Amino acid sequence: IRPKTINQKKYVDAIDANTVIFGIGPAGTGKTYLAMAKAVQA
């Protein structure tokens, strides 16, 4: 599991760098899936 767009990469980096992160976007952009991957990794 890895980010597939530049905005997804920025989103993942923001999760690493901040305590509270809001991921806002349309369906299918990987908001929840990437957050779940970061949660399992943590």
PDB file of all heavy atoms in Angstrom:
ATOM      1  N   ILE A   1       0.861  -1.183   0.000  1.00  0.00           N
ATOM      2  CA  ILE A   1       0.000   0.000   0.000  1.00  0.00           C
ATOM      3  C   ILE A   1       0.893   1.227   0.000  1.00  0.00           C
ATOM      4  O   ILE A   1       1.738   1.387   0.881  1.00  0.00           O
ATOM      5  CB  ILE A   1      -0.932  -0.003   1.218  1.00  0.00           C
ATOM      6  CG1 ILE A   1      -1.809  -1.256   1.202  1.00  0.00           C
ATOM      7  CG2 ILE A   1      -1.788   1.259   1.240  1.00  0.00           C
ATOM      8  CD1 ILE A   1      -2.663  -1.408   2.446  1.00  0.00           C
ATOM      9  N   ARG A   2       0.694   2.086  -0.989  1.00  0.00           N
ATOM     10  CA  ARG A   2       1.486   3.306  -1.102  1.00  0.00           C
ATOM     11  C   ARG A   2       0.631   4.391  -1.751  1.00  0.00           C
ATOM     12  O   ARG A   2      -0.353   4.097  -2.432  1.00  0.00           O
ATOM     13  CB  ARG A   2       2.751   3.061  -1.942  1.00  0.00           C
ATOM     14  CG  ARG A   2       2.490   2.523  -3.327  1.00  0.00           C
ATOM     15  CD  ARG A   2       3.764   2.563  -4.175  1.00  0.00           C
ATOM     16  NE  ARG A   2       4.809   1.729  -3.658  1.00  0.00           N
ATOM     17  CZ  ARG A   2       5.074   0.488  -4.069  1.00  0.00           C
ATOM     18  NH1 ARG A   2       4.305  -0.061  -5.006  1.00  0.00           N
ATOM     19  NH2 ARG A   2       6.071  -0.197  -3.562  1.00  0.00           N
ATOM     20  N   PRO A   3       0.973   5.665  -1.548  1.00  0.00           N
ATOM     21  CA  PRO A   3       0.235   6.744  -2.229  1.00  0.00           C
ATOM     22  C   PRO A   3       0.444   6.672  -3.734  1.00  0.00           C
ATOM     23  O   PRO A   3       1.526   6.299  -4.205  1.00  0.00           O
ATOM     24  CB  PRO A   3       0.838   8.021  -1.635  1.00  0.00           C
ATOM     25  CG  PRO A   3       2.169   7.608  -1.093  1.00  0.00           C
ATOM     26  CD  PRO A   3       2.034   6.180  -0.668  1.00  0.00           C
ATOM     27  N   LYS A   4      -0.585   7.027  -4.486  1.00  0.00           N
ATOM     28  CA  LYS A   4      -0.530   6.923  -5.938  1.00  0.00           C
ATOM     29  C   LYS A   4      -0.612   8.263  -6.647  1.00  0.00           C
ATOM     30  O   LYS A   4      -0.540   8.312  -7.873  1.00  0.00           O
ATOM     31  CB  LYS A   4      -1.662   6.010  -6.423  1.00  0.00           C
ATOM     32  CG  LYS A   4      -1.520   4.576  -5.923  1.00  0.00           C
ATOM     33  CD  LYS A   4      -2.628   3.690  -6.453  1.00  0.00           C
ATOM     34  CE  LYS A   4      -2.443   2.252  -5.965  1.00  0.00           C
ATOM     35  NZ  LYS A   4      -3.505   1.343  -6.466  1.00  0.00           N
ATOM     36  N   THR A   5      -0.797   9.338  -5.906  1.00  0.00           N
ATOM     37  CA  THR A   5      -0.788  10.681  -6.489  1.00  0.00           C
ATOM     38  C   THR A   5       0.001  11.605  -5.564  1.00  0.00           C
ATOM     39  O   THR A   5       0.285  11.261  -4.409  1.00  0.00           O
ATOM     40  CB  THR A   5      -2.212  11.239  -6.666  1.00  0.00           C
ATOM     41  OG1 THR A   5      -2.783  11.498  -5.379  1.00  0.00           O
ATOM     42  CG2 THR A   5      -3.112  10.262  -7.429  1.00  0.00           C
ATOM     43  N   ILE A   6       0.337  12.763  -6.084  1.00  0.00           N
ATOM     44  CA  ILE A   6       1.098  13.731  -5.291  1.00  0.00           C
ATOM     45  C   ILE A   6       0.289  14.190  -4.079  1.00  0.00           C
ATOM     46  O   ILE A   6       0.809  14.288  -2.965  1.00  0.00           O
ATOM     47  CB  ILE A   6       1.499  14.938  -6.159  1.00  0.00           C
ATOM     48  CG1 ILE A   6       2.474  14.492  -7.259  1.00  0.00           C
ATOM     49  CG2 ILE A   6       2.144  16.025  -5.299  1.00  0.00           C
ATOM     50  CD1 ILE A   6       3.761  13.905  -6.743  1.00  0.00           C
ATOM     51  N   ASN A   7      -1.010  14.470  -4.272  1.00  0.00           N
ATOM     52  CA  ASN A   7      -1.837  14.907  -3.145  1.00  0.00           C
ATOM     53  C   ASN A   7      -1.972  13.812  -2.095  1.00  0.00           C
ATOM     54  O   ASN A   7      -2.024  14.097  -0.892  1.00  0.00           O
ATOM     55  CB  ASN A   7      -3.217  15.343  -3.641  1.00  0.00           C
ATOM     56  CG  ASN A   7      -3.186  16.705  -4.298  1.00  0.00           C
ATOM     57  OD1 ASN A   7      -2.300  17.522  -4.040  1.00  0.00           O
ATOM     58  ND2 ASN A   7      -4.148  16.973  -5.163  1.00  0.00           N
ATOM     59  N   GLN A   8      -2.038  12.563  -2.531  1.00  0.00           N
ATOM     60  CA  GLN A   8      -2.066  11.462  -1.572  1.00  0.00           C
ATOM     61  C   GLN A   8      -0.766  11.394  -0.783  1.00  0.00           C
ATOM     62  O   GLN A   8      -0.763  11.141   0.423  1.00  0.00           O
ATOM     63  CB  GLN A   8      -2.319  10.143  -2.286  1.00  0.00           C
ATOM     64  CG  GLN A   8      -3.748   9.948  -2.746  1.00  0.00           C
ATOM     65  CD  GLN A   8      -3.988   8.547  -3.284  1.00  0.00           C
ATOM     66  OE1 GLN A   8      -3.077   7.727  -3.360  1.00  0.00           O
ATOM     67  NE2 GLN A   8      -5.225   8.261  -3.658  1.00  0.00           N
ATOM     68  N   LYS A   9       0.355  11.633  -1.451  1.00  0.00           N
ATOM     69  CA  LYS A   9       1.646  11.636  -0.759  1.00  0.00           C
ATOM     70  C   LYS A   9       1.695  12.768   0.273  1.00  0.00           C
ATOM     71  O   LYS A   9       2.175  12.580   1.408  1.00  0.00           O
ATOM     72  CB  LYS A   9       2.781  11.803  -1.777  1.00  0.00           C
ATOM     73  CG  LYS A   9       4.185  11.814  -1.160  1.00  0.00           C
ATOM     74  CD  LYS A   9       4.486  10.489  -0.484  1.00  0.00           C
ATOM     75  CE  LYS A   9       5.952  10.347  -0.120  1.00  0.00           C
ATOM     76  NZ  LYS A   9       6.439  11.390   0.798  1.00  0.00           N
ATOM     77  N   LYS A  10       1.185  13.939  -0.083  1.00  0.00           N
ATOM     78  CA  LYS A  10       1.148  15.054   0.861  1.00  0.00           C
ATOM     79  C   LYS A  10       0.235  14.728   2.046  1.00  0.00           C
ATOM     80  O   LYS A  10       0.521  15.097   3.191  1.00  0.00           O
ATOM     81  CB  LYS A  10       0.666  16.323   0.152  1.00  0.00           C
ATOM     82  CG  LYS A  10       1.635  16.851  -0.899  1.00  0.00           C
ATOM     83  CD  LYS A  10       1.051  18.074  -1.589  1.00  0.00           C
ATOM     84  CE  LYS A  10       2.017  18.621  -2.642  1.00  0.00           C
ATOM     85  NZ  LYS A  10       1.439  19.784  -3.358  1.00  0.00           N
ATOM     86  N   TYR A  11      -0.850  14.043   1.760  1.00  0.00           N
ATOM     87  CA  TYR A  11      -1.793  13.633   2.812  1.00  0.00           C
ATOM     88  C   TYR A  11      -1.122  12.680   3.797  1.00  0.00           C
ATOM     89  O   TYR A  11      -1.231  12.840   5.014  1.00  0.00           O
ATOM     90  CB  TYR A  11      -2.999  12.990   2.134  1.00  0.00           C
ATOM     91  CG  TYR A  11      -4.031  12.374   3.045  1.00  0.00           C
ATOM     92  CD1 TYR A  11      -4.564  13.066   4.123  1.00  0.00           C
ATOM     93  CD2 TYR A  11      -4.504  11.084   2.799  1.00  0.00           C
ATOM     94  CE1 TYR A  11      -5.536  12.493   4.938  1.00  0.00           C
ATOM     95  CE2 TYR A  11      -5.474  10.508   3.603  1.00  0.00           C
ATOM     96  CZ  TYR A  11      -5.983  11.212   4.671  1.00  0.00           C
ATOM     97  OH  TYR A  11      -6.944  10.635   5.476  1.00  0.00           O
ATOM     98  N   VAL A  12      -0.394  11.704   3.270  1.00  0.00           N
ATOM     99  CA  VAL A  12       0.316  10.740   4.121  1.00  0.00           C
ATOM    100  C   VAL A  12       1.398  11.445   4.944  1.00  0.00           C
ATOM    101  O   VAL A  12       1.554  11.174   6.140  1.00  0.00           O
ATOM    102  CB  VAL A  12       0.909   9.610   3.263  1.00  0.00           C
ATOM    103  CG1 VAL A  12       1.839   8.731   4.091  1.00  0.00           C
ATOM    104  CG2 VAL A  12      -0.201   8.763   2.650  1.00  0.00           C
ATOM    105  N   ASP A  13       2.132  12.348   4.308  1.00  0.00           N
ATOM    106  CA  ASP A  13       3.156  13.102   5.040  1.00  0.00           C
ATOM    107  C   ASP A  13       2.535  13.955   6.148  1.00  0.00           C
ATOM    108  O   ASP A  13       3.118  14.116   7.231  1.00  0.00           O
ATOM    109  CB  ASP A  13       3.944  13.997   4.074  1.00  0.00           C
ATOM    110  CG  ASP A  13       4.820  13.183   3.125  1.00  0.00           C
ATOM    111  OD1 ASP A  13       5.078  11.996   3.417  1.00  0.00           O
ATOM    112  OD2 ASP A  13       5.229  13.726   2.078  1.00  0.00           O
ATOM    113  N   ALA A  14       1.348  14.518   5.886  1.00  0.00           N
ATOM    114  CA  ALA A  14       0.672  15.334   6.896  1.00  0.00           C
ATOM    115  C   ALA A  14       0.257  14.488   8.095  1.00  0.00           C
ATOM    116  O   ALA A  14       0.296  14.963   9.243  1.00  0.00           O
ATOM    117  CB  ALA A  14      -0.547  16.020   6.283  1.00  0.00           C
ATOM    118  N   ILE A  15      -0.134  13.237   7.848  1.00  0.00           N
ATOM    119  CA  ILE A  15      -0.493  12.343   8.953  1.00  0.00           C
ATOM    120  C   ILE A  15       0.723  12.094   9.840  1.00  0.00           C
ATOM    121  O   ILE A  15       0.615  12.027  11.071  1.00  0.00           O
ATOM    122  CB  ILE A  15      -1.062  11.018   8.403  1.00  0.00           C
ATOM    123  CG1 ILE A  15      -2.405  11.273   7.719  1.00  0.00           C
ATOM    124  CG2 ILE A  15      -1.226   9.989   9.512  1.00  0.00           C
ATOM    125  CD1 ILE A  15      -3.011  10.048   7.061  1.00  0.00           C
ATOM    126  N   ASP A  16       1.893  11.967   9.225  1.00  0.00           N
ATOM    127  CA  ASP A  16       3.115  11.767  10.012  1.00  0.00           C
ATOM    128  C   ASP A  16       3.484  13.005  10.819  1.00  0.00           C
ATOM    129  O   ASP A  16       4.037  12.890  11.919  1.00  0.00           O
ATOM    130  CB  ASP A  16       4.277  11.396   9.087  1.00  0.00           C
ATOM    131  CG  ASP A  16       4.130  10.000   8.500  1.00  0.00           C
ATOM    132  OD1 ASP A  16       3.509   9.149   9.160  1.00  0.00           O
ATOM    133  OD2 ASP A  16       4.622   9.770   7.378  1.00  0.00           O
ATOM    134  N   ALA A  17       3.187  14.191  10.288  1.00  0.00           N
ATOM    135  CA  ALA A  17       3.711  15.420  10.880  1.00  0.00           C
ATOM    136  C   ALA A  17       2.749  16.111  11.840  1.00  0.00           C
ATOM    137  O   ALA A  17       3.169  17.011  12.572  1.00  0.00           O
ATOM    138  CB  ALA A  17       4.090  16.402   9.770  1.00  0.00           C
ATOM    139  N   ASN A  18       1.463  15.727  11.861  1.00  0.00           N
ATOM    140  CA  ASN A  18       0.478  16.445  12.673  1.00  0.00           C
ATOM    141  C   ASN A  18      -0.298  15.487  13.570  1.00  0.00           C
ATOM    142  O   ASN A  18      -0.303  14.268  13.343  1.00  0.00           O
ATOM    143  CB  ASN A  18      -0.499  17.205  11.771  1.00  0.00           C
ATOM    144  CG  ASN A  18       0.195  18.250  10.924  1.00  0.00           C
ATOM    145  OD1 ASN A  18       0.407  19.388  11.351  1.00  0.00           O
ATOM    146  ND2 ASN A  18       0.554  17.885   9.694  1.00  0.00           N
ATOM    147  N   THR A  19      -0.964  16.069  14.568  1.00  0.00           N
ATOM    148  CA  THR A  19      -1.768  15.272  15.493  1.00  0.00           C
ATOM    149  C   THR A  19      -3.197  15.088  15.002  1.00  0.00           C
ATOM    150  O   THR A  19      -3.772  14.005  15.126  1.00  0.00           O
ATOM    151  CB  THR A  19      -1.787  15.933  16.877  1.00  0.00           C
ATOM    152  OG1 THR A  19      -0.437  16.026  17.372  1.00  0.00           O
ATOM    153  CG2 THR A  19      -2.610  15.122  17.872  1.00  0.00           C
ATOM    154  N   VAL A  20      -3.783  16.139  14.466  1.00  0.00           N
ATOM    155  CA  VAL A  20      -5.150  16.080  13.934  1.00  0.00           C
ATOM    156  C   VAL A  20      -5.095  16.421  12.451  1.00  0.00           C
ATOM    157  O   VAL A  20      -4.598  17.491  12.076  1.00  0.00           O
ATOM    158  CB  VAL A  20      -6.095  17.050  14.676  1.00  0.00           C
ATOM    159  CG1 VAL A  20      -7.492  17.010  14.063  1.00  0.00           C
ATOM    160  CG2 VAL A  20      -6.152  16.704  16.159  1.00  0.00           C
ATOM    161  N   ILE A  21      -5.602  15.517  11.621  1.00  0.00           N
ATOM    162  CA  ILE A  21      -5.534  15.682  10.175  1.00  0.00           C
ATOM    163  C   ILE A  21      -6.921  15.505   9.586  1.00  0.00           C
ATOM    164  O   ILE A  21      -7.630  14.546   9.910  1.00  0.00           O
ATOM    165  CB  ILE A  21      -4.572  14.653   9.533  1.00  0.00           C
ATOM    166  CG1 ILE A  21      -3.197  14.746  10.168  1.00  0.00           C
ATOM    167  CG2 ILE A  21      -4.487  14.871   8.030  1.00  0.00           C
ATOM    168  CD1 ILE A  21      -2.992  13.814  11.350  1.00  0.00           C
ATOM    169  N   PHE A  22      -7.319  16.434   8.740  1.00  0.00           N
ATOM    170  CA  PHE A  22      -8.574  16.341   8.013  1.00  0.00           C
ATOM    171  C   PHE A  22      -8.270  15.991   6.553  1.00  0.00           C
ATOM    172  O   PHE A  22      -7.509  16.701   5.883  1.00  0.00           O
ATOM    173  CB  PHE A  22      -9.344  17.660   8.072  1.00  0.00           C
ATOM    174  CG  PHE A  22      -9.902  17.987   9.428  1.00  0.00           C
ATOM    175  CD1 PHE A  22      -9.122  18.627  10.377  1.00  0.00           C
ATOM    176  CD2 PHE A  22     -11.199  17.638   9.762  1.00  0.00           C
ATOM    177  CE1 PHE A  22      -9.620  18.929  11.639  1.00  0.00           C
ATOM    178  CE2 PHE A  22     -11.710  17.931  11.018  1.00  0.00           C
ATOM    179  CZ  PHE A  22     -10.925  18.573  11.954  1.00  0.00           C
ATOM    180  N   GLY A  23      -8.848  14.889   6.081  1.00  0.00           N
ATOM    181  CA  GLY A  23      -8.724  14.499   4.683  1.00  0.00           C
ATOM    182  C   GLY A  23     -10.055  14.717   3.989  1.00  0.00           C
ATOM    183  O   GLY A  23     -11.015  13.978   4.211  1.00  0.00           O
ATOM    184  N   ILE A  24     -10.135  15.743   3.136  1.00  0.00           N
ATOM    185  CA  ILE A  24     -11.390  16.131   2.491  1.00  0.00           C
ATOM    186  C   ILE A  24     -11.252  15.928   0.986  1.00  0.00           C
ATOM    187  O   ILE A  24     -10.313  16.432   0.364  1.00  0.00           O
ATOM    188  CB  ILE A  24     -11.744  17.596   2.809  1.00  0.00           C
ATOM    189  CG1 ILE A  24     -11.827  17.805   4.332  1.00  0.00           C
ATOM    190  CG2 ILE A  24     -13.043  18.004   2.140  1.00  0.00           C
ATOM    191  CD1 ILE A  24     -12.008  19.248   4.749  1.00  0.00           C
ATOM    192  N   GLY A  25     -12.185  15.200   0.404  1.00  0.00           N
ATOM    193  CA  GLY A  25     -12.126  14.963  -1.031  1.00  0.00           C
ATOM    194  C   GLY A  25     -13.231  14.040  -1.491  1.00  0.00           C
ATOM    195  O   GLY A  25     -13.945  13.446  -0.673  1.00  0.00           O
ATOM    196  N   PRO A  26     -13.403  13.892  -2.808  1.00  0.00           N
ATOM    197  CA  PRO A  26     -14.480  13.052  -3.340  1.00  0.00           C
ATOM    198  C   PRO A  26     -14.225  11.574  -3.119  1.00  0.00           C
ATOM    199  O   PRO A  26     -13.140  11.162  -2.665  1.00  0.00           O
ATOM    200  CB  PRO A  26     -14.491  13.409  -4.835  1.00  0.00           C
ATOM    201  CG  PRO A  26     -13.106  13.894  -5.122  1.00  0.00           C
ATOM    202  CD  PRO A  26     -12.632  14.567  -3.869  1.00  0.00           C
ATOM    203  N   ALA A  27     -15.219  10.774  -3.457  1.00  0.00           N
ATOM    204  CA  ALA A  27     -15.120   9.327  -3.285  1.00  0.00           C
ATOM    205  C   ALA A  27     -14.011   8.765  -4.164  1.00  0.00           C
ATOM    206  O   ALA A  27     -13.796   9.216  -5.290  1.00  0.00           O
ATOM    207  CB  ALA A  27     -16.457   8.676  -3.640  1.00  0.00           C
ATOM    208  N   GLY A  28     -13.307   7.771  -3.637  1.00  0.00           N
ATOM    209  CA  GLY A  28     -12.285   7.079  -4.416  1.00  0.00           C
ATOM    210  C   GLY A  28     -10.912   7.697  -4.384  1.00  0.00           C
ATOM    211  O   GLY A  28     -10.008   7.251  -5.098  1.00  0.00           O
ATOM    212  N   THR A  29     -10.692   8.711  -3.555  1.00  0.00           N
ATOM    213  CA  THR A  29      -9.384   9.360  -3.488  1.00  0.00           C
ATOM    214  C   THR A  29      -8.472   8.736  -2.439  1.00  0.00           C
ATOM    215  O   THR A  29      -7.350   9.215  -2.239  1.00  0.00           O
ATOM    216  CB  THR A  29      -9.534  10.864  -3.197  1.00  0.00           C
ATOM    217  OG1 THR A  29     -10.381  11.039  -2.053  1.00  0.00           O
ATOM    218  CG2 THR A  29     -10.160  11.582  -4.388  1.00  0.00           C
ATOM    219  N   GLY A  30      -8.936   7.692  -1.757  1.00  0.00           N
ATOM    220  CA  GLY A  30      -8.084   6.980  -0.809  1.00  0.00           C
ATOM    221  C   GLY A  30      -7.972   7.620   0.554  1.00  0.00           C
ATOM    222  O   GLY A  30      -7.044   7.297   1.313  1.00  0.00           O
ATOM    223  N   LYS A  31      -8.899   8.500   0.904  1.00  0.00           N
ATOM    224  CA  LYS A  31      -8.822   9.206   2.195  1.00  0.00           C
ATOM    225  C   LYS A  31      -8.804   8.218   3.359  1.00  0.00           C
ATOM    226  O   LYS A  31      -7.899   8.237   4.197  1.00  0.00           O
ATOM    227  CB  LYS A  31     -10.018  10.155   2.355  1.00  0.00           C
ATOM    228  CG  LYS A  31     -10.249  11.109   1.223  1.00  0.00           C
ATOM    229  CD  LYS A  31     -11.445  11.996   1.476  1.00  0.00           C
ATOM    230  CE  LYS A  31     -12.745  11.208   1.570  1.00  0.00           C
ATOM    231  NZ  LYS A  31     -13.131  10.569   0.301  1.00  0.00           N
ATOM    232  N   THR A  32      -9.829   7.362   3.402  1.00  0.00           N
ATOM    233  CA  THR A  32      -9.964   6.432   4.525  1.00  0.00           C
ATOM    234  C   THR A  32      -8.966   5.286   4.418  1.00  0.00           C
ATOM    235  O   THR A  32      -8.384   4.861   5.421  1.00  0.00           O
ATOM    236  CB  THR A  32     -11.398   5.882   4.574  1.00  0.00           C
ATOM    237  OG1 THR A  32     -12.314   6.987   4.628  1.00  0.00           O
ATOM    238  CG2 THR A  32     -11.605   4.995   5.791  1.00  0.00           C
ATOM    239  N   TYR A  33      -8.739   4.798   3.217  1.00  0.00           N
ATOM    240  CA  TYR A  33      -7.868   3.636   3.023  1.00  0.00           C
ATOM    241  C   TYR A  33      -6.443   3.943   3.458  1.00  0.00           C
ATOM    242  O   TYR A  33      -5.803   3.143   4.169  1.00  0.00           O
ATOM    243  CB  TYR A  33      -7.906   3.214   1.559  1.00  0.00           C
ATOM    244  CG  TYR A  33      -7.453   1.795   1.321  1.00  0.00           C
ATOM    245  CD1 TYR A  33      -8.309   0.727   1.567  1.00  0.00           C
ATOM    246  CD2 TYR A  33      -6.174   1.525   0.844  1.00  0.00           C
ATOM    247  CE1 TYR A  33      -7.909  -0.580   1.338  1.00  0.00           C
ATOM    248  CE2 TYR A  33      -5.766   0.225   0.625  1.00  0.00           C
ATOM    249  CZ  TYR A  33      -6.631  -0.820   0.869  1.00  0.00           C
ATOM    250  OH  TYR A  33      -6.221  -2.118   0.650  1.00  0.00           O
ATOM    251  N   LEU A  34      -5.921   5.090   3.057  1.00  0.00           N
ATOM    252  CA  LEU A  34      -4.566   5.468   3.446  1.00  0.00           C
ATOM    253  C   LEU A  34      -4.479   5.729   4.953  1.00  0.00           C
ATOM    254  O   LEU A  34      -3.472   5.395   5.587  1.00  0.00           O
ATOM    255  CB  LEU A  34      -4.121   6.702   2.667  1.00  0.00           C
ATOM    256  CG  LEU A  34      -3.881   6.496   1.161  1.00  0.00           C
ATOM    257  CD1 LEU A  34      -3.602   7.828   0.479  1.00  0.00           C
ATOM    258  CD2 LEU A  34      -2.738   5.521   0.923  1.00  0.00           C
ATOM    259  N   ALA A  35      -5.521   6.325   5.523  1.00  0.00           N
ATOM    260  CA  ALA A  35      -5.532   6.547   6.977  1.00  0.00           C
ATOM    261  C   ALA A  35      -5.528   5.224   7.725  1.00  0.00           C
ATOM    262  O   ALA A  35      -4.838   5.072   8.749  1.00  0.00           O
ATOM    263  CB  ALA A  35      -6.754   7.381   7.362  1.00  0.00           C
ATOM    264  N   MET A  36      -6.280   4.245   7.208  1.00  0.00           N
ATOM    265  CA  MET A  36      -6.286   2.917   7.836  1.00  0.00           C
ATOM    266  C   MET A  36      -4.903   2.276   7.747  1.00  0.00           C
ATOM    267  O   MET A  36      -4.437   1.648   8.706  1.00  0.00           O
ATOM    268  CB  MET A  36      -7.316   2.034   7.139  1.00  0.00           C
ATOM    269  CG  MET A  36      -8.752   2.496   7.329  1.00  0.00           C
ATOM    270  SD  MET A  36      -9.440   1.943   8.877  1.00  0.00           S
ATOM    271  CE  MET A  36      -9.748   0.236   8.501  1.00  0.00           C
ATOM    272  N   ALA A  37      -4.245   2.423   6.604  1.00  0.00           N
ATOM    273  CA  ALA A  37      -2.901   1.865   6.446  1.00  0.00           C
ATOM    274  C   ALA A  37      -1.934   2.505   7.436  1.00  0.00           C
ATOM    275  O   ALA A  37      -1.105   1.811   8.050  1.00  0.00           O
ATOM    276  CB  ALA A  37      -2.422   2.068   5.008  1.00  0.00           C
ATOM    277  N   LYS A  38      -2.022   3.813   7.621  1.00  0.00           N
ATOM    278  CA  LYS A  38      -1.155   4.483   8.589  1.00  0.00           C
ATOM    279  C   LYS A  38      -1.479   4.041  10.016  1.00  0.00           C
ATOM    280  O   LYS A  38      -0.577   3.922  10.864  1.00  0.00           O
ATOM    281  CB  LYS A  38      -1.303   6.001   8.466  1.00  0.00           C
ATOM    282  CG  LYS A  38      -0.775   6.586   7.175  1.00  0.00           C
ATOM    283  CD  LYS A  38       0.715   6.350   6.993  1.00  0.00           C
ATOM    284  CE  LYS A  38       1.544   7.070   8.019  1.00  0.00           C
ATOM    285  NZ  LYS A  38       2.991   6.867   7.819  1.00  0.00           N
ATOM    286  N   ALA A  39      -2.755   3.762  10.294  1.00  0.00           N
ATOM    287  CA  ALA A  39      -3.131   3.298  11.627  1.00  0.00           C
ATOM    288  C   ALA A  39      -2.547   1.915  11.904  1.00  0.00           C
ATOM    289  O   ALA A  39      -2.004   1.666  12.997  1.00  0.00           O
ATOM    290  CB  ALA A  39      -4.657   3.269  11.754  1.00  0.00           C
ATOM    291  N   VAL A  40      -2.657   1.012  10.941  1.00  0.00           N
ATOM    292  CA  VAL A  40      -2.088  -0.333  11.114  1.00  0.00           C
ATOM    293  C   VAL A  40      -0.574  -0.257  11.244  1.00  0.00           C
ATOM    294  O   VAL A  40       0.034  -0.966  12.056  1.00  0.00           O
ATOM    295  CB  VAL A  40      -2.513  -1.240   9.940  1.00  0.00           C
ATOM    296  CG1 VAL A  40      -1.801  -2.588  10.020  1.00  0.00           C
ATOM    297  CG2 VAL A  40      -4.020  -1.443   9.939  1.00  0.00           C
ATOM    298  N   GLN A  41       0.054   0.610  10.462  1.00  0.00           N
ATOM    299  CA  GLN A  41       1.502   0.791  10.558  1.00  0.00           C
ATOM    300  C   GLN A  41       1.895   1.284  11.951  1.00  0.00           C
ATOM    301  O   GLN A  41       2.860   0.794  12.550  1.00  0.00           O
ATOM    302  CB  GLN A  41       1.975   1.791   9.497  1.00  0.00           C
ATOM    303  CG  GLN A  41       3.473   2.038   9.488  1.00  0.00           C
ATOM    304  CD  GLN A  41       3.856   3.239   8.638  1.00  0.00           C
ATOM    305  OE1 GLN A  41       3.275   4.304   8.767  1.00  0.00           O
ATOM    306  NE2 GLN A  41       4.825   3.042   7.745  1.00  0.00           N
ATOM    307  N   ALA A  42       1.142   2.273  12.475  1.00  0.00           N
ATOM    308  CA  ALA A  42       1.438   2.798  13.811  1.00  0.00           C
ATOM    309  C   ALA A  42       1.253   1.724  14.882  1.00  0.00           C
ATOM    310  O   ALA A  42       2.001   1.674  15.858  1.00  0.00           O
ATOM    311  CB  ALA A  42       0.540   4.001  14.102  1.00  0.00           C
TER     312      ALA A  42
END
